[in-house]
Amino acid sequence: MAIDYPYWYSLKSNIVSILEEIATEEAAEDSARNFNVSNSRWFPWIEGLQSVALANVMVQNVGPNPARSQARKYKIDQIEVMVDMYAIGKSGETLPADEVAAQRLDLLTNQVREGLTRLKKL
């Protein structure tokens, strides 16, 4: 008998797929709106990726759901999925690099939120 991957493995994969779909849609609008998506990248070195945003999907914590009695026959876990978001501005633009990065990070946050709302469609 082989042990299956945990159910949060599929959850992470679904989030990554949806975010990649949004990145493709956004890139079709304007290449500056594109972003990269990675799954469980523990050292997301992005210093060389100026003007490219990154969303990194990871499971932060898996544990018992405190709202449920642990005396039940079946255990229900509470899973925390973390989406790290990174943006580095490119120097030489009309705005300072930090301001460009902050604006891009604001957009990326909204793009990720849109992706999470699409999870309901699975």
Foldseek 3Di string as FASTA:
>chain_A
DDDDDDPVVVVQVLLQVLLQVLLVVLCVVPVLLHEAEEEPDPDPDCPVVASHKYKYKYWDDKDFDPVDDPPDPDTDIDIDIDIDIFHFHDPPDPDHRVVVRVVSRVSVVVSSVVSVVCVVVD
